[in-house]
Structures are given as C-alpha cells and as structure tokens.
N, C-alpha and C. Protein backbone atom coordinates (compact mmCIF):
# COMPACT_ATOMS: atom_id res chain seq x y z
N MET A 1 -17.15 -6.51 -25.03
CA MET A 1 -16.01 -5.17 -24.51
C MET A 1 -15.00 -5.96 -25.01
N ASP A 2 -13.99 -5.03 -25.77
CA ASP A 2 -12.97 -5.52 -26.75
C ASP A 2 -11.94 -5.86 -25.20
N ASP A 3 -11.16 -6.41 -25.92
CA ASP A 3 -9.58 -6.64 -25.08
C ASP A 3 -8.94 -5.76 -24.63
N ASN A 4 -8.68 -4.44 -25.66
CA ASN A 4 -8.09 -3.42 -25.10
C ASN A 4 -8.86 -2.55 -24.04
N ARG A 5 -10.08 -2.71 -24.16
CA ARG A 5 -10.93 -1.88 -23.00
C ARG A 5 -10.59 -2.50 -21.97
N LYS A 6 -10.08 -3.72 -21.55
CA LYS A 6 -10.04 -4.79 -20.80
C LYS A 6 -9.48 -4.61 -19.98
N ARG A 7 -8.28 -4.52 -20.93
CA ARG A 7 -6.54 -4.00 -20.47
C ARG A 7 -6.57 -2.77 -19.64
N THR A 8 -7.32 -2.07 -20.18
CA THR A 8 -6.95 -0.53 -19.84
C THR A 8 -7.84 -0.44 -17.90
N ARG A 9 -9.17 -1.32 -18.05
CA ARG A 9 -9.41 -1.14 -16.93
C ARG A 9 -9.02 -1.96 -15.93
N ARG A 10 -8.55 -3.06 -16.15
CA ARG A 10 -7.17 -3.31 -15.01
C ARG A 10 -6.41 -2.55 -14.60
N ARG A 11 -5.98 -1.92 -15.49
CA ARG A 11 -4.71 -1.07 -15.78
C ARG A 11 -5.03 0.33 -14.42
N LEU A 12 -5.86 0.59 -14.57
CA LEU A 12 -6.44 1.48 -13.76
C LEU A 12 -6.79 1.42 -12.30
N TRP A 13 -7.09 -0.21 -11.69
CA TRP A 13 -7.47 -0.27 -10.96
C TRP A 13 -6.21 -0.27 -9.61
N PRO A 14 -4.85 0.10 -10.53
CA PRO A 14 -3.66 -0.39 -9.13
C PRO A 14 -3.71 1.36 -9.16
N ILE A 15 -3.99 2.09 -10.30
CA ILE A 15 -3.51 3.52 -9.55
C ILE A 15 -5.43 3.91 -8.78
N LEU A 16 -6.27 3.70 -9.09
CA LEU A 16 -7.01 3.79 -8.03
C LEU A 16 -6.67 3.31 -6.55
N TRP A 17 -6.54 2.34 -6.70
CA TRP A 17 -6.42 1.95 -5.11
C TRP A 17 -4.76 2.70 -4.68
N MET A 18 -3.45 3.04 -5.27
CA MET A 18 -3.37 3.77 -4.94
C MET A 18 -3.88 5.66 -4.44
N MET A 19 -4.80 5.73 -5.19
CA MET A 19 -5.02 7.09 -4.96
C MET A 19 -6.11 7.09 -3.46
N GLY A 20 -6.47 6.25 -3.27
CA GLY A 20 -7.40 5.26 -2.09
C GLY A 20 -6.10 5.27 -1.03
N LEU A 21 -5.50 4.73 -1.23
CA LEU A 21 -4.83 5.00 -0.08
C LEU A 21 -4.30 6.20 0.08
N TYR A 22 -3.39 7.13 -1.00
CA TYR A 22 -3.32 8.76 -0.06
C TYR A 22 -4.26 9.12 0.43
N ALA A 23 -5.26 9.07 -0.19
CA ALA A 23 -6.31 9.86 0.42
C ALA A 23 -7.08 9.11 1.83
N ALA A 24 -6.91 7.61 2.18
CA ALA A 24 -7.33 7.26 3.38
C ALA A 24 -6.25 7.82 4.64
N THR A 25 -4.72 7.97 3.64
CA THR A 25 -4.05 8.61 4.70
C THR A 25 -4.21 9.82 5.31
N ALA A 26 -4.19 10.64 4.49
CA ALA A 26 -4.92 12.37 4.69
C ALA A 26 -5.88 12.08 5.30
N ILE A 27 -7.35 11.29 5.15
CA ILE A 27 -8.39 11.76 5.80
C ILE A 27 -7.73 11.15 7.40
N ASN A 28 -6.93 10.59 7.56
CA ASN A 28 -6.77 9.70 9.25
C ASN A 28 -6.20 10.63 9.83
N GLU A 29 -4.40 11.36 8.97
CA GLU A 29 -4.48 12.42 10.04
C GLU A 29 -5.39 13.34 9.97
N ILE A 30 -6.31 14.05 9.36
CA ILE A 30 -6.99 14.94 9.68
C ILE A 30 -8.39 14.67 10.76
N LEU A 31 -8.71 13.06 10.68
CA LEU A 31 -9.56 13.02 11.65
C LEU A 31 -9.15 11.94 12.85
N HIS A 32 -7.61 11.84 12.75
CA HIS A 32 -6.90 10.90 13.27
C HIS A 32 -8.01 9.71 14.43
N VAL A 33 -8.42 8.64 12.97
CA VAL A 33 -8.93 7.61 13.23
C VAL A 33 -8.25 6.69 14.04
N GLY A 34 -8.90 5.68 15.09
CA GLY A 34 -8.29 5.08 15.02
C GLY A 34 -8.54 4.63 17.06
N PRO A 35 -8.06 3.47 18.03
CA PRO A 35 -7.84 3.43 19.02
C PRO A 35 -7.23 3.84 19.49
N GLU A 36 -7.30 4.13 21.21
CA GLU A 36 -6.76 5.02 22.00
C GLU A 36 -5.17 4.28 22.43
N ASP A 37 -5.56 2.91 22.42
CA ASP A 37 -4.16 1.73 23.34
C ASP A 37 -2.90 2.12 22.07
N PRO A 38 -2.04 2.53 22.51
CA PRO A 38 -0.50 2.35 21.50
C PRO A 38 -0.80 0.64 21.07
N ALA A 39 -0.61 -0.06 21.75
CA ALA A 39 -0.47 -1.83 21.44
C ALA A 39 -2.06 -1.86 20.17
N LEU A 40 -2.66 -1.48 20.73
CA LEU A 40 -3.81 -1.90 20.27
C LEU A 40 -3.40 -0.85 18.14
N LEU A 41 -3.18 0.40 18.73
CA LEU A 41 -3.00 1.33 17.10
C LEU A 41 -1.99 0.55 16.75
N GLU A 42 -1.09 -0.19 17.22
CA GLU A 42 0.25 -0.24 16.25
C GLU A 42 -0.30 -1.84 15.56
N VAL A 43 -0.75 -2.46 16.61
CA VAL A 43 -1.71 -4.02 15.60
C VAL A 43 -2.18 -3.29 14.49
N GLN A 44 -3.04 -2.81 14.76
CA GLN A 44 -4.42 -2.47 13.61
C GLN A 44 -3.71 -1.55 12.79
N GLN A 45 -2.18 -0.77 12.76
CA GLN A 45 -1.25 -0.22 11.83
C GLN A 45 -0.83 -1.36 10.94
N VAL A 46 -0.28 -2.88 11.69
CA VAL A 46 0.14 -3.12 11.26
C VAL A 46 -0.81 -4.22 9.86
N ALA A 47 -1.84 -4.40 10.28
CA ALA A 47 -3.25 -5.19 9.74
C ALA A 47 -3.49 -4.01 8.39
N VAL A 48 -3.50 -3.41 8.59
CA VAL A 48 -3.91 -2.08 7.50
C VAL A 48 -2.32 -2.13 6.68
N HIS A 49 -1.76 -2.24 7.17
CA HIS A 49 -0.75 -1.55 6.41
C HIS A 49 -0.41 -2.51 5.16
N THR A 50 -0.55 -4.29 5.84
CA THR A 50 -0.13 -5.83 5.10
C THR A 50 -1.19 -5.76 4.50
N THR A 51 -2.67 -5.37 4.74
CA THR A 51 -3.73 -5.37 3.95
C THR A 51 -3.39 -4.58 2.50
N CYS A 52 -3.61 -3.79 2.81
CA CYS A 52 -3.26 -2.54 1.95
C CYS A 52 -2.21 -2.81 0.52
N TYR A 53 -0.90 -3.23 1.09
CA TYR A 53 0.04 -3.37 0.56
C TYR A 53 -0.21 -4.61 -0.36
N ALA A 54 -0.87 -5.86 0.50
CA ALA A 54 -0.62 -7.13 -0.20
C ALA A 54 -2.20 -6.34 -1.72
N VAL A 55 -2.98 -5.90 -1.39
CA VAL A 55 -3.94 -5.20 -3.03
C VAL A 55 -3.56 -4.61 -3.43
N LEU A 56 -2.23 -4.02 -3.47
CA LEU A 56 -2.10 -3.28 -4.24
C LEU A 56 -1.13 -4.09 -5.23
N ALA A 57 -0.27 -4.90 -4.37
CA ALA A 57 0.93 -5.61 -5.27
C ALA A 57 0.09 -6.70 -6.30
N TRP A 58 -0.74 -7.03 -5.94
CA TRP A 58 -2.35 -8.49 -6.42
C TRP A 58 -2.89 -7.50 -7.60
N LEU A 59 -3.18 -6.17 -7.51
CA LEU A 59 -3.78 -5.56 -8.46
C LEU A 59 -2.05 -5.11 -9.63
N MET A 60 -0.80 -4.82 -8.98
CA MET A 60 -0.04 -4.68 -10.17
C MET A 60 0.36 -5.99 -10.60
N ALA A 61 0.46 -7.01 -9.80
CA ALA A 61 0.85 -8.44 -10.52
C ALA A 61 -0.19 -8.87 -11.82
N ARG A 62 -1.24 -8.38 -11.86
CA ARG A 62 -2.33 -8.85 -12.44
C ARG A 62 -2.23 -7.72 -14.16
N VAL A 63 -1.05 -6.73 -14.18
CA VAL A 63 -1.46 -5.69 -15.27
C VAL A 63 0.34 -5.62 -15.80
N THR A 64 1.17 -6.68 -15.29
CA THR A 64 2.01 -6.05 -15.66
C THR A 64 3.21 -7.74 -15.69
N ASP A 65 4.34 -8.05 -16.09
CA ASP A 65 4.83 -8.92 -16.19
C ASP A 65 6.65 -8.56 -15.65
N ALA A 66 6.05 -7.34 -14.75
CA ALA A 66 7.36 -7.43 -14.04
C ALA A 66 8.03 -8.45 -12.92
N PRO A 67 9.47 -8.51 -12.65
CA PRO A 67 9.51 -9.35 -11.59
C PRO A 67 9.06 -9.02 -10.61
N ALA A 68 9.64 -9.79 -9.51
CA ALA A 68 8.89 -10.35 -8.48
C ALA A 68 9.14 -9.03 -7.31
N LEU A 69 10.66 -8.32 -7.11
CA LEU A 69 11.40 -7.55 -6.22
C LEU A 69 10.97 -6.46 -7.11
N ALA A 70 11.34 -6.50 -8.41
CA ALA A 70 10.04 -4.88 -8.92
C ALA A 70 9.49 -4.34 -8.52
N LEU A 71 8.65 -5.09 -8.55
CA LEU A 71 7.08 -4.84 -8.19
C LEU A 71 6.78 -4.71 -6.71
N ILE A 72 7.99 -5.32 -5.85
CA ILE A 72 7.66 -5.37 -4.65
C ILE A 72 8.29 -3.93 -4.12
N ALA A 73 9.25 -3.85 -4.83
CA ALA A 73 10.28 -1.92 -4.78
C ALA A 73 9.33 -1.07 -4.90
N LEU A 74 8.55 -1.06 -6.51
CA LEU A 74 7.74 -0.26 -6.42
C LEU A 74 6.05 -0.40 -5.47
N ALA A 75 5.60 -1.26 -5.08
CA ALA A 75 4.78 -1.00 -4.09
C ALA A 75 5.63 -0.15 -2.64
N VAL A 76 6.58 -0.51 -2.20
CA VAL A 76 7.49 0.34 -1.53
C VAL A 76 7.74 2.10 -1.76
N THR A 77 7.77 1.84 -2.82
CA THR A 77 8.33 3.55 -3.07
C THR A 77 6.92 4.31 -3.22
N VAL A 78 5.87 3.45 -3.42
CA VAL A 78 4.08 3.96 -2.33
C VAL A 78 4.14 4.21 -1.34
N GLY A 79 4.79 3.56 -0.59
CA GLY A 79 4.57 3.41 0.86
C GLY A 79 5.55 4.95 1.37
N VAL A 80 6.43 4.99 0.67
CA VAL A 80 7.59 6.27 0.94
C VAL A 80 6.92 7.36 0.50
N GLY A 81 6.38 7.16 -0.52
CA GLY A 81 4.99 8.52 -0.74
C GLY A 81 4.13 8.70 0.05
N GLN A 82 3.28 7.71 0.54
CA GLN A 82 2.33 7.91 1.85
C GLN A 82 3.02 8.22 3.42
N GLU A 83 4.18 7.77 3.67
CA GLU A 83 5.19 7.85 4.38
C GLU A 83 5.28 9.26 4.17
N THR A 84 5.54 10.36 3.45
CA THR A 84 6.21 11.65 3.39
C THR A 84 5.04 12.47 3.31
N LEU A 85 3.45 11.99 3.03
CA LEU A 85 2.79 12.68 3.21
C LEU A 85 1.87 12.79 4.89
N GLN A 86 2.24 11.67 5.28
CA GLN A 86 2.00 11.46 6.81
C GLN A 86 3.19 12.82 7.76
N SER A 87 4.10 12.55 7.27
CA SER A 87 5.42 13.64 7.70
C SER A 87 4.93 14.89 7.79
N LEU A 88 4.84 15.39 6.49
CA LEU A 88 4.03 16.52 6.10
C LEU A 88 3.09 16.81 6.99
N TRP A 89 1.77 16.10 7.16
CA TRP A 89 0.49 16.54 8.06
C TRP A 89 1.50 16.43 9.15
N ARG A 90 1.95 16.01 9.78
CA ARG A 90 2.42 15.73 11.34
C ARG A 90 3.59 17.34 11.36
N GLY A 91 4.24 17.21 10.57
CA GLY A 91 5.27 18.54 10.45
C GLY A 91 6.37 18.29 10.87
N HIS A 92 6.75 16.57 10.90
CA HIS A 92 8.31 16.28 11.81
C HIS A 92 7.95 14.57 11.36
N ILE A 93 9.36 14.25 11.25
CA ILE A 93 9.44 13.05 10.44
C ILE A 93 9.88 11.76 11.88
N MET A 94 9.11 10.75 11.16
CA MET A 94 8.71 9.63 12.56
C MET A 94 9.89 7.90 11.83
N LEU A 95 10.85 8.43 12.30
CA LEU A 95 11.87 8.13 11.35
C LEU A 95 11.44 6.21 11.62
N LEU A 96 11.57 5.59 13.19
CA LEU A 96 11.55 4.31 13.31
C LEU A 96 10.00 4.20 12.72
N GLY A 97 8.95 4.91 13.04
CA GLY A 97 8.00 4.92 12.71
C GLY A 97 7.80 4.25 11.41
N SER A 98 8.65 5.15 10.25
CA SER A 98 8.15 4.66 8.90
C SER A 98 9.12 4.15 8.48
N ALA A 99 10.16 3.69 8.70
CA ALA A 99 11.10 2.20 8.64
C ALA A 99 10.30 1.30 8.78
N VAL A 100 9.08 0.87 9.80
CA VAL A 100 8.68 -0.54 10.36
C VAL A 100 7.39 -0.45 9.76
N ASP A 101 6.93 1.09 9.09
CA ASP A 101 5.59 0.60 8.15
C ASP A 101 6.34 0.49 6.55
N LEU A 102 7.26 0.80 6.36
CA LEU A 102 7.90 0.48 5.39
C LEU A 102 8.46 -0.89 4.77
N VAL A 103 8.80 -1.67 5.98
CA VAL A 103 8.73 -3.31 6.04
C VAL A 103 7.77 -3.44 5.94
N VAL A 104 6.72 -2.83 6.88
CA VAL A 104 5.14 -4.03 6.99
C VAL A 104 4.62 -4.07 5.31
N ASP A 105 4.38 -2.42 4.65
CA ASP A 105 4.52 -2.44 3.08
C ASP A 105 5.46 -3.60 2.14
N GLY A 106 6.48 -3.20 1.85
CA GLY A 106 7.38 -4.31 1.61
C GLY A 106 6.50 -5.95 1.99
N LEU A 107 6.94 -6.09 2.76
CA LEU A 107 6.03 -7.92 3.47
C LEU A 107 4.62 -7.75 3.01
N GLY A 108 3.63 -6.92 3.48
CA GLY A 108 2.75 -6.99 2.60
C GLY A 108 2.13 -7.21 1.22
N ALA A 109 3.38 -6.23 0.59
CA ALA A 109 3.28 -6.42 -1.10
C ALA A 109 4.23 -7.95 -1.72
N ALA A 110 5.00 -8.45 -0.83
CA ALA A 110 4.62 -10.05 -0.92
C ALA A 110 4.59 -10.90 -0.40
N LEU A 111 3.64 -10.84 0.09
CA LEU A 111 2.41 -11.46 0.05
C LEU A 111 1.84 -11.37 -0.63
N GLY A 112 0.67 -10.27 -1.40
CA GLY A 112 0.21 -10.04 -2.32
C GLY A 112 0.41 -10.77 -3.21
N TYR A 113 1.82 -10.19 -4.01
CA TYR A 113 2.45 -10.72 -4.83
C TYR A 113 2.81 -12.49 -4.69
N GLY A 114 2.31 -13.22 -3.71
CA GLY A 114 2.57 -14.67 -3.62
C GLY A 114 1.06 -14.99 -3.41
N LEU A 115 0.44 -14.07 -3.32
CA LEU A 115 -1.17 -14.82 -3.69
C LEU A 115 -1.53 -15.05 -4.78
N TRP A 116 -1.03 -13.81 -5.97
CA TRP A 116 -1.22 -13.59 -6.82
C TRP A 116 -0.84 -14.55 -7.93
N ARG A 117 0.51 -15.45 -7.56
CA ARG A 117 1.84 -15.90 -8.64
C ARG A 117 0.67 -17.23 -7.59
N TRP A 118 0.43 -17.98 -6.85
CA TRP A 118 -0.45 -19.02 -6.16
C TRP A 118 -1.92 -19.15 -6.55
N ARG A 119 -2.33 -17.75 -6.59
CA ARG A 119 -3.82 -18.00 -7.76
C ARG A 119 -3.56 -18.50 -9.57
N ALA A 120 -2.38 -17.59 -9.98
CA ALA A 120 -2.24 -17.85 -11.40
C ALA A 120 -2.12 -19.23 -11.81
C-alpha cells in the first residue's frame, strides 16, 4: 500500500470516531441506557467521556502536528457538538452537567494526547 493511502486511512479514523460518538449519543438519548442509581450513572458518564475523548485525541494526534492545546480545544469543540445534540434531544439545556462533561472531555483529551506523546 502506498503512503498516500496509509495517510488517508489514518485521517479517516478520527472522523469515524467522531461520527461514532455522535451516533452513540443519539442512541443513548433515545434508549436511555445506563444504571438507575444517579451516583453510578455519574461515574459511568465520567468514565465513558474520559475514554472516548482520550481515544479521539490519540487518533487526532496521529495525523497532525498541531500543538497540544489546539488538539485538546478541537476535542472539546467536538464535545460542545455532543452536548448540543443532547440538549436538542432533551428539549432543554443542562448547563452544569454540560460544563462538567466538557471539563471531563478536555481532561480525557489531554490524557489521550499525553499517552500518544509518551508512546511516540
């Protein structure tokens, strides 16, 4: 396989991952998947957001030389889109919950970028 095809494939993974995040968000909003206990639900949300955005940042770091803050900001921007989608499905904005999710998204992205740098 030539280098152009390899680069193109590498660039597709972050895009596919973002599409998967948005699809999973829509499915979760429709099916209301998750534990009943609010504390357990919050732990699950933090774990899912951290993992998803760590993977996103890691995938993006593989295809760009962007500085860490730019990459993390881009990941948080994806998170803003995800929170907007959730708000549209719910019909209202959960400002505090969305703000916490965005902080967790940013921390997850920083973790993913850090792991990529450590591995590279």
